[in-house]
Structure formats: C-alpha cells, structure tokens
Amino acid sequence: NFATFILIVSFFGSRTLFVYIALCLGILS
C-alpha cells in the first residue's frame, strides 16, 4: 500500500491529481 503510494508520488509529484490516484492504487494493492 505505502510502497505503491510513495512510488507514484515520487514519480509524478504530490501537487497533482496523481496523489489521489496514488492513494487509490496503494489501497488497492
């Protein structure tokens, strides 16, 4: 969960819509 979240946020940044996508994908993983 946290690894997926951190990986996506690290790649796309935390000031975009991707932070919420990262949250959802982290929860799903």
PDB file of all heavy atoms in Angstrom:
ATOM      1  N   ASN A   1       0.835  -1.199   0.000  1.00  0.00           N
ATOM      2  CA  ASN A   1       0.000   0.000   0.000  1.00  0.00           C
ATOM      3  C   ASN A   1       0.873   1.254   0.000  1.00  0.00           C
ATOM      4  O   ASN A   1       0.778   2.093  -0.896  1.00  0.00           O
ATOM      5  CB  ASN A   1      -0.924  -0.042   1.228  1.00  0.00           C
ATOM      6  CG  ASN A   1      -1.867   1.150   1.314  1.00  0.00           C
ATOM      7  OD1 ASN A   1      -1.590   2.236   0.813  1.00  0.00           O
ATOM      8  ND2 ASN A   1      -2.975   0.942   1.977  1.00  0.00           N
ATOM      9  N   PHE A   2       1.741   1.367   0.992  1.00  0.00           N
ATOM     10  CA  PHE A   2       2.579   2.559   1.104  1.00  0.00           C
ATOM     11  C   PHE A   2       3.648   2.618   0.020  1.00  0.00           C
ATOM     12  O   PHE A   2       3.974   3.696  -0.472  1.00  0.00           O
ATOM     13  CB  PHE A   2       3.206   2.648   2.493  1.00  0.00           C
ATOM     14  CG  PHE A   2       2.210   3.049   3.540  1.00  0.00           C
ATOM     15  CD1 PHE A   2       1.666   2.107   4.389  1.00  0.00           C
ATOM     16  CD2 PHE A   2       1.800   4.369   3.664  1.00  0.00           C
ATOM     17  CE1 PHE A   2       0.730   2.467   5.347  1.00  0.00           C
ATOM     18  CE2 PHE A   2       0.865   4.738   4.615  1.00  0.00           C
ATOM     19  CZ  PHE A   2       0.325   3.786   5.457  1.00  0.00           C
ATOM     20  N   ALA A   3       4.183   1.473  -0.382  1.00  0.00           N
ATOM     21  CA  ALA A   3       5.195   1.455  -1.438  1.00  0.00           C
ATOM     22  C   ALA A   3       4.611   1.957  -2.757  1.00  0.00           C
ATOM     23  O   ALA A   3       5.240   2.762  -3.458  1.00  0.00           O
ATOM     24  CB  ALA A   3       5.766   0.045  -1.604  1.00  0.00           C
ATOM     25  N   THR A   4       3.415   1.510  -3.096  1.00  0.00           N
ATOM     26  CA  THR A   4       2.754   1.971  -4.314  1.00  0.00           C
ATOM     27  C   THR A   4       2.506   3.467  -4.250  1.00  0.00           C
ATOM     28  O   THR A   4       2.792   4.211  -5.196  1.00  0.00           O
ATOM     29  CB  THR A   4       1.424   1.212  -4.521  1.00  0.00           C
ATOM     30  OG1 THR A   4       1.697  -0.182  -4.619  1.00  0.00           O
ATOM     31  CG2 THR A   4       0.692   1.693  -5.761  1.00  0.00           C
ATOM     32  N   PHE A   5       1.984   3.917  -3.116  1.00  0.00           N
ATOM     33  CA  PHE A   5       1.708   5.337  -2.933  1.00  0.00           C
ATOM     34  C   PHE A   5       2.976   6.180  -3.090  1.00  0.00           C
ATOM     35  O   PHE A   5       3.012   7.141  -3.863  1.00  0.00           O
ATOM     36  CB  PHE A   5       1.090   5.569  -1.549  1.00  0.00           C
ATOM     37  CG  PHE A   5       0.830   7.010  -1.234  1.00  0.00           C
ATOM     38  CD1 PHE A   5      -0.280   7.654  -1.748  1.00  0.00           C
ATOM     39  CD2 PHE A   5       1.702   7.724  -0.442  1.00  0.00           C
ATOM     40  CE1 PHE A   5      -0.520   8.993  -1.463  1.00  0.00           C
ATOM     41  CE2 PHE A   5       1.479   9.063  -0.145  1.00  0.00           C
ATOM     42  CZ  PHE A   5       0.354   9.699  -0.664  1.00  0.00           C
ATOM     43  N   ILE A   6       4.030   5.791  -2.387  1.00  0.00           N
ATOM     44  CA  ILE A   6       5.279   6.564  -2.414  1.00  0.00           C
ATOM     45  C   ILE A   6       5.906   6.543  -3.810  1.00  0.00           C
ATOM     46  O   ILE A   6       6.401   7.565  -4.294  1.00  0.00           O
ATOM     47  CB  ILE A   6       6.259   6.030  -1.345  1.00  0.00           C
ATOM     48  CG1 ILE A   6       5.739   6.400   0.051  1.00  0.00           C
ATOM     49  CG2 ILE A   6       7.666   6.572  -1.550  1.00  0.00           C
ATOM     50  CD1 ILE A   6       6.424   5.697   1.186  1.00  0.00           C
ATOM     51  N   LEU A   7       5.883   5.400  -4.476  1.00  0.00           N
ATOM     52  CA  LEU A   7       6.451   5.293  -5.812  1.00  0.00           C
ATOM     53  C   LEU A   7       5.749   6.240  -6.794  1.00  0.00           C
ATOM     54  O   LEU A   7       6.407   6.984  -7.535  1.00  0.00           O
ATOM     55  CB  LEU A   7       6.361   3.848  -6.309  1.00  0.00           C
ATOM     56  CG  LEU A   7       6.958   3.568  -7.675  1.00  0.00           C
ATOM     57  CD1 LEU A   7       8.472   3.734  -7.631  1.00  0.00           C
ATOM     58  CD2 LEU A   7       6.591   2.166  -8.123  1.00  0.00           C
ATOM     59  N   ILE A   8       4.436   6.236  -6.794  1.00  0.00           N
ATOM     60  CA  ILE A   8       3.684   7.082  -7.726  1.00  0.00           C
ATOM     61  C   ILE A   8       3.876   8.563  -7.398  1.00  0.00           C
ATOM     62  O   ILE A   8       4.100   9.383  -8.291  1.00  0.00           O
ATOM     63  CB  ILE A   8       2.192   6.697  -7.727  1.00  0.00           C
ATOM     64  CG1 ILE A   8       2.040   5.291  -8.328  1.00  0.00           C
ATOM     65  CG2 ILE A   8       1.359   7.717  -8.512  1.00  0.00           C
ATOM     66  CD1 ILE A   8       0.651   4.693  -8.183  1.00  0.00           C
ATOM     67  N   VAL A   9       3.828   8.907  -6.112  1.00  0.00           N
ATOM     68  CA  VAL A   9       4.015  10.305  -5.717  1.00  0.00           C
ATOM     69  C   VAL A   9       5.441  10.761  -6.030  1.00  0.00           C
ATOM     70  O   VAL A   9       5.650  11.901  -6.473  1.00  0.00           O
ATOM     71  CB  VAL A   9       3.666  10.504  -4.227  1.00  0.00           C
ATOM     72  CG1 VAL A   9       4.115  11.865  -3.729  1.00  0.00           C
ATOM     73  CG2 VAL A   9       2.165  10.342  -4.015  1.00  0.00           C
ATOM     74  N   SER A  10       6.409   9.893  -5.847  1.00  0.00           N
ATOM     75  CA  SER A  10       7.801  10.244  -6.158  1.00  0.00           C
ATOM     76  C   SER A  10       7.981  10.511  -7.648  1.00  0.00           C
ATOM     77  O   SER A  10       8.732  11.400  -8.046  1.00  0.00           O
ATOM     78  CB  SER A  10       8.746   9.116  -5.749  1.00  0.00           C
ATOM     79  OG  SER A  10       8.727   8.951  -4.365  1.00  0.00           O
ATOM     80  N   PHE A  11       7.283   9.754  -8.453  1.00  0.00           N
ATOM     81  CA  PHE A  11       7.420   9.900  -9.898  1.00  0.00           C
ATOM     82  C   PHE A  11       6.638  11.097 -10.448  1.00  0.00           C
ATOM     83  O   PHE A  11       7.136  11.848 -11.277  1.00  0.00           O
ATOM     84  CB  PHE A  11       6.973   8.607 -10.587  1.00  0.00           C
ATOM     85  CG  PHE A  11       7.277   8.563 -12.048  1.00  0.00           C
ATOM     86  CD1 PHE A  11       8.573   8.364 -12.497  1.00  0.00           C
ATOM     87  CD2 PHE A  11       6.266   8.722 -12.984  1.00  0.00           C
ATOM     88  CE1 PHE A  11       8.859   8.334 -13.857  1.00  0.00           C
ATOM     89  CE2 PHE A  11       6.546   8.682 -14.341  1.00  0.00           C
ATOM     90  CZ  PHE A  11       7.844   8.491 -14.777  1.00  0.00           C
ATOM     91  N   PHE A  12       5.397  11.291  -9.970  1.00  0.00           N
ATOM     92  CA  PHE A  12       4.529  12.329 -10.523  1.00  0.00           C
ATOM     93  C   PHE A  12       4.417  13.586  -9.656  1.00  0.00           C
ATOM     94  O   PHE A  12       3.854  14.589 -10.097  1.00  0.00           O
ATOM     95  CB  PHE A  12       3.113  11.774 -10.756  1.00  0.00           C
ATOM     96  CG  PHE A  12       3.056  10.768 -11.863  1.00  0.00           C
ATOM     97  CD1 PHE A  12       2.948   9.412 -11.579  1.00  0.00           C
ATOM     98  CD2 PHE A  12       3.110  11.169 -13.185  1.00  0.00           C
ATOM     99  CE1 PHE A  12       2.895   8.480 -12.600  1.00  0.00           C
ATOM    100  CE2 PHE A  12       3.055  10.238 -14.209  1.00  0.00           C
ATOM    101  CZ  PHE A  12       2.947   8.894 -13.924  1.00  0.00           C
ATOM    102  N   GLY A  13       4.884  13.532  -8.424  1.00  0.00           N
ATOM    103  CA  GLY A  13       4.795  14.686  -7.538  1.00  0.00           C
ATOM    104  C   GLY A  13       3.541  14.661  -6.678  1.00  0.00           C
ATOM    105  O   GLY A  13       2.588  13.939  -6.955  1.00  0.00           O
ATOM    106  N   SER A  14       3.567  15.483  -5.645  1.00  0.00           N
ATOM    107  CA  SER A  14       2.463  15.483  -4.690  1.00  0.00           C
ATOM    108  C   SER A  14       1.502  16.655  -4.887  1.00  0.00           C
ATOM    109  O   SER A  14       0.584  16.836  -4.109  1.00  0.00           O
ATOM    110  CB  SER A  14       3.013  15.502  -3.262  1.00  0.00           C
ATOM    111  OG  SER A  14       3.772  16.675  -3.055  1.00  0.00           O
ATOM    112  N   ARG A  15       1.717  17.420  -5.914  1.00  0.00           N
ATOM    113  CA  ARG A  15       0.842  18.573  -6.150  1.00  0.00           C
ATOM    114  C   ARG A  15      -0.013  18.399  -7.396  1.00  0.00           C
ATOM    115  O   ARG A  15      -0.377  19.366  -8.046  1.00  0.00           O
ATOM    116  CB  ARG A  15       1.680  19.837  -6.256  1.00  0.00           C
ATOM    117  CG  ARG A  15       2.510  20.106  -5.039  1.00  0.00           C
ATOM    118  CD  ARG A  15       2.474  21.570  -4.702  1.00  0.00           C
ATOM    119  NE  ARG A  15       3.351  21.859  -3.579  1.00  0.00           N
ATOM    120  CZ  ARG A  15       2.914  22.001  -2.344  1.00  0.00           C
ATOM    121  NH1 ARG A  15       1.655  21.879  -2.069  1.00  0.00           N
ATOM    122  NH2 ARG A  15       3.764  22.267  -1.383  1.00  0.00           N
ATOM    123  N   THR A  16      -0.307  17.163  -7.709  1.00  0.00           N
ATOM    124  CA  THR A  16      -1.115  16.883  -8.890  1.00  0.00           C
ATOM    125  C   THR A  16      -2.238  15.927  -8.515  1.00  0.00           C
ATOM    126  O   THR A  16      -2.306  15.422  -7.394  1.00  0.00           O
ATOM    127  CB  THR A  16      -0.264  16.224 -10.001  1.00  0.00           C
ATOM    128  OG1 THR A  16       0.162  14.934  -9.549  1.00  0.00           O
ATOM    129  CG2 THR A  16       0.947  17.074 -10.359  1.00  0.00           C
ATOM    130  N   LEU A  17      -3.059  15.665  -9.486  1.00  0.00           N
ATOM    131  CA  LEU A  17      -4.132  14.697  -9.318  1.00  0.00           C
ATOM    132  C   LEU A  17      -3.584  13.304  -9.010  1.00  0.00           C
ATOM    133  O   LEU A  17      -4.260  12.484  -8.396  1.00  0.00           O
ATOM    134  CB  LEU A  17      -4.984  14.660 -10.600  1.00  0.00           C
ATOM    135  CG  LEU A  17      -6.101  13.640 -10.687  1.00  0.00           C
ATOM    136  CD1 LEU A  17      -7.168  13.938  -9.624  1.00  0.00           C
ATOM    137  CD2 LEU A  17      -6.724  13.656 -12.062  1.00  0.00           C
ATOM    138  N   PHE A  18      -2.328  13.070  -9.386  1.00  0.00           N
ATOM    139  CA  PHE A  18      -1.736  11.742  -9.197  1.00  0.00           C
ATOM    140  C   PHE A  18      -1.610  11.349  -7.725  1.00  0.00           C
ATOM    141  O   PHE A  18      -1.518  10.170  -7.410  1.00  0.00           O
ATOM    142  CB  PHE A  18      -0.377  11.645  -9.896  1.00  0.00           C
ATOM    143  CG  PHE A  18      -0.502  11.477 -11.373  1.00  0.00           C
ATOM    144  CD1 PHE A  18      -0.290  12.547 -12.220  1.00  0.00           C
ATOM    145  CD2 PHE A  18      -0.865  10.252 -11.921  1.00  0.00           C
ATOM    146  CE1 PHE A  18      -0.421  12.400 -13.586  1.00  0.00           C
ATOM    147  CE2 PHE A  18      -0.995  10.089 -13.275  1.00  0.00           C
ATOM    148  CZ  PHE A  18      -0.784  11.172 -14.123  1.00  0.00           C
ATOM    149  N   VAL A  19      -1.617  12.295  -6.809  1.00  0.00           N
ATOM    150  CA  VAL A  19      -1.545  11.934  -5.394  1.00  0.00           C
ATOM    151  C   VAL A  19      -2.800  11.147  -4.992  1.00  0.00           C
ATOM    152  O   VAL A  19      -2.722  10.197  -4.212  1.00  0.00           O
ATOM    153  CB  VAL A  19      -1.316  13.176  -4.497  1.00  0.00           C
ATOM    154  CG1 VAL A  19      -2.554  14.020  -4.353  1.00  0.00           C
ATOM    155  CG2 VAL A  19      -0.817  12.757  -3.125  1.00  0.00           C
ATOM    156  N   TYR A  20      -3.934  11.497  -5.562  1.00  0.00           N
ATOM    157  CA  TYR A  20      -5.177  10.778  -5.265  1.00  0.00           C
ATOM    158  C   TYR A  20      -5.235   9.443  -6.005  1.00  0.00           C
ATOM    159  O   TYR A  20      -5.754   8.459  -5.476  1.00  0.00           O
ATOM    160  CB  TYR A  20      -6.383  11.659  -5.595  1.00  0.00           C
ATOM    161  CG  TYR A  20      -6.339  12.942  -4.814  1.00  0.00           C
ATOM    162  CD1 TYR A  20      -5.982  14.139  -5.431  1.00  0.00           C
ATOM    163  CD2 TYR A  20      -6.584  12.954  -3.447  1.00  0.00           C
ATOM    164  CE1 TYR A  20      -5.899  15.313  -4.712  1.00  0.00           C
ATOM    165  CE2 TYR A  20      -6.501  14.124  -2.712  1.00  0.00           C
ATOM    166  CZ  TYR A  20      -6.159  15.302  -3.353  1.00  0.00           C
ATOM    167  OH  TYR A  20      -6.064  16.453  -2.623  1.00  0.00           O
ATOM    168  N   ILE A  21      -4.681   9.428  -7.192  1.00  0.00           N
ATOM    169  CA  ILE A  21      -4.559   8.158  -7.919  1.00  0.00           C
ATOM    170  C   ILE A  21      -3.614   7.229  -7.158  1.00  0.00           C
ATOM    171  O   ILE A  21      -3.888   6.034  -7.002  1.00  0.00           O
ATOM    172  CB  ILE A  21      -4.076   8.405  -9.365  1.00  0.00           C
ATOM    173  CG1 ILE A  21      -5.152   9.163 -10.138  1.00  0.00           C
ATOM    174  CG2 ILE A  21      -3.692   7.103 -10.048  1.00  0.00           C
ATOM    175  CD1 ILE A  21      -4.718   9.666 -11.493  1.00  0.00           C
ATOM    176  N   ALA A  22      -2.518   7.791  -6.646  1.00  0.00           N
ATOM    177  CA  ALA A  22      -1.567   7.008  -5.849  1.00  0.00           C
ATOM    178  C   ALA A  22      -2.238   6.447  -4.599  1.00  0.00           C
ATOM    179  O   ALA A  22      -2.008   5.287  -4.232  1.00  0.00           O
ATOM    180  CB  ALA A  22      -0.365   7.874  -5.465  1.00  0.00           C
ATOM    181  N   LEU A  23      -3.059   7.254  -3.956  1.00  0.00           N
ATOM    182  CA  LEU A  23      -3.781   6.800  -2.770  1.00  0.00           C
ATOM    183  C   LEU A  23      -4.669   5.609  -3.115  1.00  0.00           C
ATOM    184  O   LEU A  23      -4.636   4.578  -2.439  1.00  0.00           O
ATOM    185  CB  LEU A  23      -4.612   7.948  -2.188  1.00  0.00           C
ATOM    186  CG  LEU A  23      -5.478   7.602  -0.980  1.00  0.00           C
ATOM    187  CD1 LEU A  23      -4.605   7.296   0.234  1.00  0.00           C
ATOM    188  CD2 LEU A  23      -6.433   8.735  -0.679  1.00  0.00           C
ATOM    189  N   CYS A  24      -5.455   5.731  -4.184  1.00  0.00           N
ATOM    190  CA  CYS A  24      -6.365   4.654  -4.583  1.00  0.00           C
ATOM    191  C   CYS A  24      -5.618   3.397  -5.003  1.00  0.00           C
ATOM    192  O   CYS A  24      -5.991   2.286  -4.601  1.00  0.00           O
ATOM    193  CB  CYS A  24      -7.267   5.128  -5.720  1.00  0.00           C
ATOM    194  SG  CYS A  24      -8.428   6.408  -5.223  1.00  0.00           S
ATOM    195  N   LEU A  25      -4.566   3.556  -5.801  1.00  0.00           N
ATOM    196  CA  LEU A  25      -3.794   2.387  -6.238  1.00  0.00           C
ATOM    197  C   LEU A  25      -3.064   1.727  -5.063  1.00  0.00           C
ATOM    198  O   LEU A  25      -2.934   0.499  -5.019  1.00  0.00           O
ATOM    199  CB  LEU A  25      -2.820   2.769  -7.343  1.00  0.00           C
ATOM    200  CG  LEU A  25      -3.473   3.152  -8.672  1.00  0.00           C
ATOM    201  CD1 LEU A  25      -2.419   3.608  -9.673  1.00  0.00           C
ATOM    202  CD2 LEU A  25      -4.293   1.998  -9.232  1.00  0.00           C
ATOM    203  N   GLY A  26      -2.607   2.540  -4.117  1.00  0.00           N
ATOM    204  CA  GLY A  26      -1.984   1.992  -2.918  1.00  0.00           C
ATOM    205  C   GLY A  26      -2.975   1.168  -2.111  1.00  0.00           C
ATOM    206  O   GLY A  26      -2.669   0.047  -1.672  1.00  0.00           O
ATOM    207  N   ILE A  27      -4.158   1.717  -1.932  1.00  0.00           N
ATOM    208  CA  ILE A  27      -5.203   0.989  -1.194  1.00  0.00           C
ATOM    209  C   ILE A  27      -5.549  -0.312  -1.910  1.00  0.00           C
ATOM    210  O   ILE A  27      -5.671  -1.370  -1.279  1.00  0.00           O
ATOM    211  CB  ILE A  27      -6.447   1.874  -1.006  1.00  0.00           C
ATOM    212  CG1 ILE A  27      -6.140   2.984   0.006  1.00  0.00           C
ATOM    213  CG2 ILE A  27      -7.649   1.048  -0.569  1.00  0.00           C
ATOM    214  CD1 ILE A  27      -7.193   4.074   0.082  1.00  0.00           C
ATOM    215  N   LEU A  28      -5.675  -0.269  -3.235  1.00  0.00           N
ATOM    216  CA  LEU A  28      -5.995  -1.487  -3.995  1.00  0.00           C
ATOM    217  C   LEU A  28      -4.890  -2.538  -3.896  1.00  0.00           C
ATOM    218  O   LEU A  28      -5.176  -3.729  -3.761  1.00  0.00           O
ATOM    219  CB  LEU A  28      -6.263  -1.148  -5.461  1.00  0.00           C
ATOM    220  CG  LEU A  28      -7.610  -0.512  -5.749  1.00  0.00           C
ATOM    221  CD1 LEU A  28      -7.695  -0.076  -7.211  1.00  0.00           C
ATOM    222  CD2 LEU A  28      -8.747  -1.466  -5.419  1.00  0.00           C
ATOM    223  N   SER A  29      -3.635  -2.098  -3.942  1.00  0.00           N
ATOM    224  CA  SER A  29      -2.544  -3.077  -3.834  1.00  0.00           C
ATOM    225  C   SER A  29      -2.505  -3.681  -2.431  1.00  0.00           C
ATOM    226  O   SER A  29      -2.292  -4.887  -2.277  1.00  0.00           O
ATOM    227  CB  SER A  29      -1.201  -2.457  -4.210  1.00  0.00           C
ATOM    228  OG  SER A  29      -0.836  -1.461  -3.293  1.00  0.00           O
TER     229      SER A  29
END
